[in-house]
């Protein structure tokens, strides 16, 4: 079956899509002024897709607002063996290859992992974590190779000797 989907704000957009897309059924979600919708029609469409169906969309921006949503959409399309037709080739055609889909899934996991780490950082009690100051590694090597004393290394970095020792312990752990 030939189906189409798009997000629309105006009737004119829907009419233009119907003229261009050769479909038997058209699903669409109405958007607000920022092109945001609840995606209820998209969800309904995705549940109905079967092998050998053809789905026409304007572009991937119509089906996803985030990398996670895009990855999920592409996974559903791939698993259902649906032929996806993009009217706007510039909007994501390269992602439809197997490598593109794999890349999108990797990106989704990457973002998820980074978000989890950021959440853990924000929940940490106590003083915020401090980064190593610029030039730490150079000062550390000088100290480690006994070319300079702790006081000199700490002075170069603008930290106390106690703080320098803490950074060394953390670095060597």
N, C-alpha and C. Protein backbone atom coordinates (compact mmCIF):
# COMPACT_ATOMS: atom_id res chain seq x y z
N UNK A 1 0.84 -1.17 0.00
CA UNK A 1 0.00 0.00 0.00
C UNK A 1 0.89 1.25 0.00
N UNK A 2 0.49 2.25 -0.70
CA UNK A 2 1.23 3.51 -0.77
C UNK A 2 0.62 4.48 0.24
N UNK A 3 1.44 4.88 1.21
CA UNK A 3 0.99 5.79 2.25
C UNK A 3 1.89 7.01 2.29
N UNK A 4 1.37 8.08 2.83
CA UNK A 4 2.15 9.30 2.98
C UNK A 4 1.94 9.88 4.36
N UNK A 5 2.95 10.62 4.82
CA UNK A 5 2.86 11.29 6.12
C UNK A 5 3.58 12.62 6.06
N UNK A 6 3.00 13.60 6.76
CA UNK A 6 3.66 14.88 6.93
C UNK A 6 3.08 15.61 8.12
N UNK A 7 3.84 16.56 8.58
CA UNK A 7 3.38 17.50 9.61
C UNK A 7 2.99 18.76 8.86
N UNK A 8 1.84 19.29 9.17
CA UNK A 8 1.39 20.50 8.46
C UNK A 8 0.88 21.55 9.43
N UNK A 9 1.05 22.75 8.99
CA UNK A 9 0.52 23.88 9.74
C UNK A 9 -0.68 24.48 8.99
N UNK A 10 -0.64 24.35 7.66
CA UNK A 10 -1.66 24.96 6.82
C UNK A 10 -2.22 23.96 5.81
N UNK A 11 -3.45 24.19 5.43
CA UNK A 11 -4.15 23.35 4.46
C UNK A 11 -3.40 23.31 3.13
N UNK A 12 -2.81 24.42 2.75
CA UNK A 12 -2.08 24.52 1.48
C UNK A 12 -0.93 23.50 1.41
N UNK A 13 -0.21 23.34 2.52
CA UNK A 13 0.88 22.37 2.58
C UNK A 13 0.37 20.95 2.32
N UNK A 14 -0.78 20.63 2.92
CA UNK A 14 -1.37 19.31 2.75
C UNK A 14 -1.77 19.09 1.30
N UNK A 15 -2.40 20.08 0.72
CA UNK A 15 -2.84 19.97 -0.68
C UNK A 15 -1.66 19.80 -1.63
N UNK A 16 -0.57 20.52 -1.39
CA UNK A 16 0.62 20.39 -2.23
C UNK A 16 1.23 18.99 -2.10
N UNK A 17 1.26 18.48 -0.89
CA UNK A 17 1.81 17.14 -0.66
C UNK A 17 0.99 16.09 -1.40
N UNK A 18 -0.33 16.20 -1.31
CA UNK A 18 -1.22 15.24 -1.96
C UNK A 18 -1.01 15.25 -3.48
N UNK A 19 -0.78 16.44 -4.05
CA UNK A 19 -0.54 16.55 -5.49
C UNK A 19 0.77 15.86 -5.89
N UNK A 20 1.80 16.05 -5.10
CA UNK A 20 3.14 15.55 -5.44
C UNK A 20 3.31 14.07 -5.09
N UNK A 21 2.82 13.67 -3.95
CA UNK A 21 3.00 12.29 -3.47
C UNK A 21 1.94 11.39 -4.08
N UNK A 22 2.38 10.33 -4.68
CA UNK A 22 1.47 9.35 -5.28
C UNK A 22 1.11 8.33 -4.20
N UNK A 23 0.07 8.64 -3.41
CA UNK A 23 -0.29 7.79 -2.28
C UNK A 23 -1.76 7.42 -2.30
N UNK A 24 -2.07 6.33 -1.62
CA UNK A 24 -3.47 5.91 -1.47
C UNK A 24 -4.07 6.49 -0.19
N UNK A 25 -3.24 6.60 0.84
CA UNK A 25 -3.68 7.17 2.12
C UNK A 25 -2.66 8.21 2.58
N UNK A 26 -3.16 9.29 3.16
CA UNK A 26 -2.27 10.33 3.70
C UNK A 26 -2.60 10.52 5.17
N UNK A 27 -1.56 10.44 5.98
CA UNK A 27 -1.66 10.71 7.40
C UNK A 27 -0.94 12.02 7.67
N UNK A 28 -1.50 12.83 8.55
CA UNK A 28 -0.83 14.09 8.87
C UNK A 28 -1.17 14.50 10.29
N UNK A 29 -0.20 15.17 10.89
CA UNK A 29 -0.38 15.76 12.22
C UNK A 29 -0.32 17.27 12.07
N UNK A 30 -1.24 17.95 12.72
CA UNK A 30 -1.23 19.41 12.71
C UNK A 30 -0.21 19.90 13.72
N UNK A 31 0.51 20.96 13.37
CA UNK A 31 1.57 21.48 14.24
C UNK A 31 1.22 22.84 14.78
N UNK A 32 1.95 23.23 15.80
CA UNK A 32 1.81 24.58 16.32
C UNK A 32 2.75 25.50 15.54
N UNK A 33 2.92 26.71 16.01
CA UNK A 33 3.74 27.68 15.29
C UNK A 33 5.22 27.30 15.24
N UNK A 34 5.65 26.38 16.09
CA UNK A 34 7.05 25.95 16.12
C UNK A 34 7.24 24.58 15.45
N UNK A 35 6.27 24.14 14.68
CA UNK A 35 6.27 22.86 13.98
C UNK A 35 6.35 21.67 14.94
N UNK A 36 5.74 21.80 16.09
CA UNK A 36 5.69 20.72 17.07
C UNK A 36 4.30 20.11 17.05
N UNK A 37 4.26 18.78 17.05
CA UNK A 37 2.99 18.08 17.11
C UNK A 37 3.11 16.91 18.08
N UNK A 38 1.97 16.31 18.40
CA UNK A 38 2.00 15.16 19.30
C UNK A 38 2.32 13.87 18.57
N UNK A 39 2.22 13.87 17.24
CA UNK A 39 2.58 12.70 16.45
C UNK A 39 1.63 11.52 16.56
N UNK A 40 0.37 11.78 16.89
CA UNK A 40 -0.58 10.67 17.05
C UNK A 40 -0.85 9.96 15.73
N UNK A 41 -0.97 10.70 14.65
CA UNK A 41 -1.19 10.09 13.34
C UNK A 41 0.04 9.31 12.88
N UNK A 42 1.22 9.83 13.18
CA UNK A 42 2.45 9.12 12.83
C UNK A 42 2.52 7.79 13.57
N UNK A 43 2.19 7.80 14.84
CA UNK A 43 2.18 6.56 15.62
C UNK A 43 1.20 5.56 15.03
N UNK A 44 0.03 6.04 14.67
CA UNK A 44 -0.98 5.18 14.06
C UNK A 44 -0.48 4.58 12.75
N UNK A 45 0.14 5.41 11.93
CA UNK A 45 0.69 4.95 10.66
C UNK A 45 1.76 3.90 10.86
N UNK A 46 2.68 4.14 11.78
CA UNK A 46 3.77 3.20 12.01
C UNK A 46 3.28 1.83 12.47
N UNK A 47 2.18 1.82 13.20
CA UNK A 47 1.60 0.55 13.65
C UNK A 47 1.00 -0.23 12.49
N UNK A 48 0.52 0.47 11.46
CA UNK A 48 -0.14 -0.18 10.32
C UNK A 48 0.83 -0.64 9.23
N UNK A 49 2.06 -0.19 9.26
CA UNK A 49 3.00 -0.52 8.19
C UNK A 49 3.26 -2.01 8.11
N UNK A 50 3.29 -2.51 6.86
CA UNK A 50 3.59 -3.91 6.62
C UNK A 50 4.69 -4.01 5.56
N UNK A 51 5.23 -5.18 5.44
CA UNK A 51 6.29 -5.42 4.45
C UNK A 51 5.76 -5.06 3.06
N UNK A 52 6.63 -4.44 2.29
CA UNK A 52 6.35 -4.04 0.90
C UNK A 52 5.47 -2.79 0.80
N UNK A 53 5.12 -2.18 1.91
CA UNK A 53 4.42 -0.89 1.85
C UNK A 53 5.39 0.18 1.38
N UNK A 54 4.85 1.24 0.82
CA UNK A 54 5.66 2.39 0.42
C UNK A 54 5.19 3.58 1.24
N UNK A 55 6.15 4.24 1.89
CA UNK A 55 5.84 5.41 2.70
C UNK A 55 6.54 6.61 2.11
N UNK A 56 5.75 7.64 1.79
CA UNK A 56 6.29 8.87 1.24
C UNK A 56 6.20 9.96 2.30
N UNK A 57 7.35 10.62 2.53
CA UNK A 57 7.38 11.76 3.46
C UNK A 57 8.13 12.89 2.78
N UNK A 58 7.93 14.10 3.26
CA UNK A 58 8.66 15.24 2.69
C UNK A 58 10.13 15.14 3.06
N UNK A 59 10.40 14.84 4.31
CA UNK A 59 11.77 14.75 4.80
C UNK A 59 11.75 14.18 6.20
N UNK A 60 12.92 13.87 6.70
CA UNK A 60 13.01 13.26 8.03
C UNK A 60 12.63 14.23 9.15
N UNK A 61 12.65 15.52 8.86
CA UNK A 61 12.25 16.50 9.87
C UNK A 61 10.77 16.36 10.22
N UNK A 62 9.99 15.78 9.31
CA UNK A 62 8.57 15.58 9.58
C UNK A 62 8.30 14.43 10.54
N UNK A 63 9.26 13.54 10.72
CA UNK A 63 9.01 12.35 11.54
C UNK A 63 9.77 12.31 12.85
N UNK A 64 10.67 13.27 13.06
CA UNK A 64 11.48 13.21 14.29
C UNK A 64 11.92 14.60 14.72
N UNK A 65 11.98 14.78 16.04
CA UNK A 65 12.47 16.04 16.62
C UNK A 65 13.80 15.85 17.32
N UNK A 66 14.23 14.61 17.48
CA UNK A 66 15.49 14.34 18.16
C UNK A 66 16.17 13.15 17.49
N UNK A 67 17.42 12.95 17.83
CA UNK A 67 18.17 11.82 17.28
C UNK A 67 17.53 10.50 17.74
N UNK A 68 17.05 10.46 18.97
CA UNK A 68 16.42 9.24 19.48
C UNK A 68 15.16 8.91 18.68
N UNK A 69 14.34 9.92 18.41
CA UNK A 69 13.13 9.70 17.62
C UNK A 69 13.47 9.29 16.19
N UNK A 70 14.48 9.92 15.62
CA UNK A 70 14.91 9.58 14.27
C UNK A 70 15.42 8.14 14.21
N UNK A 71 16.21 7.76 15.17
CA UNK A 71 16.74 6.41 15.23
C UNK A 71 15.61 5.40 15.37
N UNK A 72 14.65 5.69 16.21
CA UNK A 72 13.50 4.81 16.40
C UNK A 72 12.70 4.68 15.11
N UNK A 73 12.45 5.79 14.43
CA UNK A 73 11.71 5.77 13.17
C UNK A 73 12.44 4.92 12.13
N UNK A 74 13.74 5.16 11.97
CA UNK A 74 14.51 4.41 10.97
C UNK A 74 14.55 2.92 11.29
N UNK A 75 14.61 2.59 12.57
CA UNK A 75 14.61 1.19 12.99
C UNK A 75 13.28 0.52 12.62
N UNK A 76 12.18 1.23 12.86
CA UNK A 76 10.85 0.69 12.52
C UNK A 76 10.74 0.47 11.02
N UNK A 77 11.18 1.45 10.25
CA UNK A 77 11.11 1.35 8.79
C UNK A 77 11.96 0.18 8.30
N UNK A 78 13.15 0.05 8.86
CA UNK A 78 14.06 -1.02 8.46
C UNK A 78 13.50 -2.39 8.85
N UNK A 79 13.00 -2.52 10.08
CA UNK A 79 12.46 -3.80 10.55
C UNK A 79 11.23 -4.23 9.75
N UNK A 80 10.42 -3.26 9.33
CA UNK A 80 9.20 -3.57 8.58
C UNK A 80 9.47 -3.74 7.09
N UNK A 81 10.70 -3.51 6.66
CA UNK A 81 11.08 -3.59 5.24
C UNK A 81 10.18 -2.71 4.37
N UNK A 82 9.97 -1.50 4.84
CA UNK A 82 9.14 -0.54 4.12
C UNK A 82 10.02 0.28 3.19
N UNK A 83 9.50 0.55 2.00
CA UNK A 83 10.20 1.38 1.04
C UNK A 83 9.90 2.84 1.39
N UNK A 84 10.91 3.57 1.81
CA UNK A 84 10.74 4.96 2.23
C UNK A 84 11.13 5.89 1.09
N UNK A 85 10.25 6.82 0.76
CA UNK A 85 10.48 7.78 -0.32
C UNK A 85 10.51 9.17 0.28
N UNK A 86 11.63 9.85 0.07
CA UNK A 86 11.77 11.23 0.54
C UNK A 86 11.52 12.18 -0.62
N UNK A 87 10.60 13.12 -0.45
CA UNK A 87 10.37 14.11 -1.50
C UNK A 87 11.49 15.13 -1.52
N UNK A 88 12.03 15.45 -0.34
CA UNK A 88 13.14 16.38 -0.24
C UNK A 88 14.40 15.56 0.03
N UNK A 89 15.10 15.20 -1.03
CA UNK A 89 16.29 14.35 -0.91
C UNK A 89 17.35 14.97 -0.01
N UNK A 90 17.40 16.30 0.05
CA UNK A 90 18.42 16.97 0.86
C UNK A 90 18.16 16.76 2.35
N UNK A 91 16.95 16.37 2.71
CA UNK A 91 16.61 16.20 4.12
C UNK A 91 16.73 14.74 4.54
N UNK A 92 17.94 14.22 4.50
CA UNK A 92 18.19 12.93 5.12
C UNK A 92 18.35 11.73 4.23
N UNK A 93 18.42 11.88 2.92
CA UNK A 93 18.55 10.72 2.05
C UNK A 93 19.78 9.88 2.40
N UNK A 94 20.86 10.53 2.82
CA UNK A 94 22.09 9.79 3.14
C UNK A 94 21.92 8.89 4.36
N UNK A 95 20.95 9.20 5.21
CA UNK A 95 20.75 8.38 6.41
C UNK A 95 20.02 7.08 6.12
N UNK A 96 19.46 6.94 4.94
CA UNK A 96 18.66 5.76 4.64
C UNK A 96 19.49 4.54 4.27
N UNK A 97 20.78 4.72 4.07
CA UNK A 97 21.64 3.57 3.79
C UNK A 97 21.85 2.79 5.09
N UNK A 98 22.25 1.53 5.00
CA UNK A 98 22.51 0.77 6.23
C UNK A 98 23.55 1.44 7.13
N UNK A 99 24.59 2.03 6.52
CA UNK A 99 25.61 2.71 7.33
C UNK A 99 25.03 3.96 7.99
N UNK A 100 24.15 4.64 7.29
CA UNK A 100 23.51 5.83 7.85
C UNK A 100 22.65 5.50 9.05
N UNK A 101 21.92 4.41 8.93
CA UNK A 101 21.06 3.97 10.04
C UNK A 101 21.92 3.55 11.23
N UNK A 102 23.00 2.81 10.96
CA UNK A 102 23.91 2.42 12.04
C UNK A 102 24.53 3.65 12.71
N UNK A 103 24.90 4.63 11.89
CA UNK A 103 25.47 5.86 12.42
C UNK A 103 24.49 6.60 13.31
N UNK A 104 23.24 6.65 12.90
CA UNK A 104 22.21 7.31 13.68
C UNK A 104 22.00 6.60 15.01
N UNK A 105 22.01 5.27 14.98
CA UNK A 105 21.83 4.50 16.22
C UNK A 105 23.02 4.70 17.16
N UNK A 106 24.24 4.76 16.59
CA UNK A 106 25.41 5.04 17.40
C UNK A 106 25.29 6.43 18.04
N UNK A 107 24.87 7.39 17.24
CA UNK A 107 24.73 8.76 17.73
C UNK A 107 23.70 8.83 18.86
N UNK A 108 22.63 8.07 18.73
CA UNK A 108 21.61 8.03 19.78
C UNK A 108 22.21 7.52 21.09
N UNK A 109 22.97 6.43 21.02
CA UNK A 109 23.61 5.87 22.22
C UNK A 109 24.65 6.83 22.80
N UNK A 110 25.40 7.49 21.92
CA UNK A 110 26.40 8.47 22.35
C UNK A 110 25.75 9.60 23.14
N UNK A 111 24.68 10.16 22.60
CA UNK A 111 23.98 11.27 23.26
C UNK A 111 23.38 10.79 24.58
N UNK A 112 22.81 9.59 24.58
CA UNK A 112 22.21 9.05 25.80
C UNK A 112 23.26 8.90 26.90
N UNK A 113 24.43 8.37 26.54
CA UNK A 113 25.51 8.19 27.51
C UNK A 113 26.00 9.53 28.05
N UNK A 114 26.18 10.50 27.17
CA UNK A 114 26.63 11.83 27.59
C UNK A 114 25.59 12.49 28.50
N UNK A 115 24.32 12.33 28.18
CA UNK A 115 23.26 12.90 29.02
C UNK A 115 23.24 12.26 30.40
N UNK A 116 23.47 10.94 30.46
CA UNK A 116 23.52 10.25 31.74
C UNK A 116 24.69 10.75 32.58
N UNK A 117 25.84 10.94 31.94
CA UNK A 117 27.01 11.45 32.67
C UNK A 117 26.75 12.87 33.18
N UNK A 118 26.11 13.69 32.37
CA UNK A 118 25.79 15.06 32.78
C UNK A 118 24.82 15.06 33.96
N UNK A 119 23.85 14.14 33.93
CA UNK A 119 22.90 14.03 35.04
C UNK A 119 23.61 13.62 36.32
N UNK A 120 24.55 12.69 36.22
CA UNK A 120 25.31 12.28 37.41
C UNK A 120 26.13 13.43 37.96
N UNK A 121 26.74 14.20 37.07
CA UNK A 121 27.53 15.35 37.52
C UNK A 121 26.67 16.36 38.26
N UNK A 122 25.47 16.59 37.76
CA UNK A 122 24.61 17.60 38.38
C UNK A 122 24.06 17.12 39.73
N UNK A 123 24.00 15.80 39.96
CA UNK A 123 23.50 15.25 41.22
C UNK A 123 24.58 15.14 42.28
N UNK A 124 25.85 15.27 41.90
CA UNK A 124 26.95 15.10 42.85
C UNK A 124 26.85 16.13 43.97
N UNK A 125 26.95 15.64 45.18
CA UNK A 125 26.91 16.52 46.34
C UNK A 125 28.31 17.07 46.61
N UNK A 126 28.36 18.16 47.32
CA UNK A 126 29.66 18.73 47.69
C UNK A 126 30.14 19.74 46.66
N UNK A 127 31.41 20.01 46.75
CA UNK A 127 32.01 20.97 45.85
C UNK A 127 31.98 20.46 44.42
N UNK A 128 31.84 21.36 43.46
CA UNK A 128 31.85 20.91 42.07
C UNK A 128 33.23 20.39 41.67
N UNK A 129 33.24 19.47 40.72
CA UNK A 129 34.51 18.92 40.24
C UNK A 129 35.32 20.03 39.57
N UNK A 130 36.62 19.99 39.78
CA UNK A 130 37.48 20.98 39.15
C UNK A 130 38.32 20.31 38.08
N UNK A 131 38.49 20.99 36.98
CA UNK A 131 39.34 20.47 35.91
C UNK A 131 40.80 20.72 36.28
N UNK A 132 41.67 19.98 35.62
CA UNK A 132 43.09 20.23 35.79
C UNK A 132 43.40 21.59 35.17
N UNK A 133 44.24 22.38 35.82
CA UNK A 133 44.58 23.68 35.23
C UNK A 133 45.45 23.50 33.99
N UNK A 134 45.43 24.52 33.12
CA UNK A 134 46.28 24.48 31.93
C UNK A 134 47.73 24.31 32.35
N UNK A 135 48.44 23.44 31.65
CA UNK A 135 49.85 23.21 31.94
C UNK A 135 50.09 22.18 33.02
N UNK A 136 49.02 21.52 33.50
CA UNK A 136 49.19 20.55 34.58
C UNK A 136 50.13 19.43 34.18
N UNK A 137 49.91 18.86 33.01
CA UNK A 137 50.71 17.70 32.61
C UNK A 137 52.20 18.06 32.53
N UNK A 138 52.48 19.22 32.01
CA UNK A 138 53.87 19.66 31.91
C UNK A 138 54.49 19.82 33.31
N UNK A 139 53.72 20.45 34.21
CA UNK A 139 54.20 20.63 35.59
C UNK A 139 54.34 19.28 36.29
N UNK A 140 53.40 18.38 36.02
CA UNK A 140 53.44 17.04 36.61
C UNK A 140 54.71 16.30 36.16
N UNK A 141 54.98 16.33 34.85
CA UNK A 141 56.18 15.65 34.34
C UNK A 141 57.45 16.22 34.98
N UNK A 142 57.48 17.54 35.11
CA UNK A 142 58.64 18.18 35.71
C UNK A 142 58.81 17.71 37.17
N UNK A 143 57.72 17.63 37.89
CA UNK A 143 57.75 17.16 39.27
C UNK A 143 58.10 15.67 39.32
N UNK A 144 57.46 14.86 38.48
CA UNK A 144 57.65 13.42 38.47
C UNK A 144 59.10 13.05 38.13
N UNK A 145 59.69 13.77 37.21
CA UNK A 145 61.07 13.50 36.81
C UNK A 145 62.08 14.21 37.71
N UNK A 146 61.58 14.79 38.80
CA UNK A 146 62.39 15.45 39.83
C UNK A 146 63.20 16.63 39.28
N UNK A 147 62.63 17.28 38.25
CA UNK A 147 63.27 18.47 37.71
C UNK A 147 62.84 19.71 38.49
N UNK A 148 61.68 19.61 39.17
CA UNK A 148 61.21 20.71 40.01
C UNK A 148 60.58 20.14 41.26
N UNK A 149 60.49 21.00 42.26
CA UNK A 149 59.89 20.60 43.54
C UNK A 149 58.39 20.89 43.49
N UNK A 150 57.68 20.37 44.48
CA UNK A 150 56.23 20.57 44.57
C UNK A 150 55.89 22.05 44.61
N UNK A 151 56.63 22.80 45.38
CA UNK A 151 56.35 24.23 45.52
C UNK A 151 56.44 24.93 44.16
N UNK A 152 57.44 24.59 43.36
CA UNK A 152 57.61 25.21 42.04
C UNK A 152 56.47 24.82 41.10
N UNK A 153 56.12 23.55 41.09
CA UNK A 153 55.03 23.08 40.22
C UNK A 153 53.70 23.73 40.60
N UNK A 154 53.44 23.80 41.91
CA UNK A 154 52.19 24.41 42.38
C UNK A 154 52.16 25.90 42.04
N UNK A 155 53.29 26.56 42.18
CA UNK A 155 53.38 27.99 41.86
C UNK A 155 53.11 28.24 40.37
N UNK A 156 53.66 27.41 39.51
CA UNK A 156 53.43 27.54 38.07
C UNK A 156 51.94 27.42 37.73
N UNK A 157 51.26 26.55 38.44
CA UNK A 157 49.84 26.31 38.17
C UNK A 157 48.92 27.26 38.92
N UNK A 158 49.46 27.96 39.90
CA UNK A 158 48.64 28.89 40.69
C UNK A 158 47.74 28.18 41.68
N UNK A 159 48.21 27.04 42.21
CA UNK A 159 47.44 26.30 43.20
C UNK A 159 48.32 26.06 44.42
N UNK A 160 47.69 25.62 45.50
CA UNK A 160 48.46 25.31 46.70
C UNK A 160 49.17 23.97 46.52
N UNK A 161 50.17 23.74 47.36
CA UNK A 161 50.89 22.47 47.30
C UNK A 161 49.95 21.31 47.61
N UNK A 162 49.05 21.51 48.57
CA UNK A 162 48.08 20.48 48.93
C UNK A 162 47.21 20.13 47.72
N UNK A 163 46.73 21.16 47.02
CA UNK A 163 45.89 20.94 45.83
C UNK A 163 46.69 20.23 44.73
N UNK A 164 47.95 20.59 44.58
CA UNK A 164 48.79 19.94 43.57
C UNK A 164 48.92 18.44 43.88
N UNK A 165 49.16 18.11 45.16
CA UNK A 165 49.25 16.71 45.56
C UNK A 165 47.93 15.97 45.27
N UNK A 166 46.81 16.63 45.54
CA UNK A 166 45.50 16.02 45.26
C UNK A 166 45.35 15.72 43.77
N UNK A 167 45.74 16.68 42.94
CA UNK A 167 45.64 16.48 41.49
C UNK A 167 46.56 15.35 41.04
N UNK A 168 47.77 15.27 41.63
CA UNK A 168 48.69 14.19 41.26
C UNK A 168 48.11 12.85 41.63
N UNK A 169 47.54 12.73 42.86
CA UNK A 169 46.93 11.48 43.29
C UNK A 169 45.76 11.08 42.38
N UNK A 170 44.95 12.06 42.03
CA UNK A 170 43.82 11.80 41.15
C UNK A 170 44.31 11.38 39.75
N UNK A 171 45.32 12.04 39.27
CA UNK A 171 45.86 11.76 37.95
C UNK A 171 46.51 10.38 37.88
N UNK A 172 47.17 9.98 38.94
CA UNK A 172 47.88 8.71 38.95
C UNK A 172 46.99 7.53 39.35
N UNK A 173 45.81 7.81 39.81
CA UNK A 173 44.90 6.73 40.26
C UNK A 173 44.42 5.86 39.13
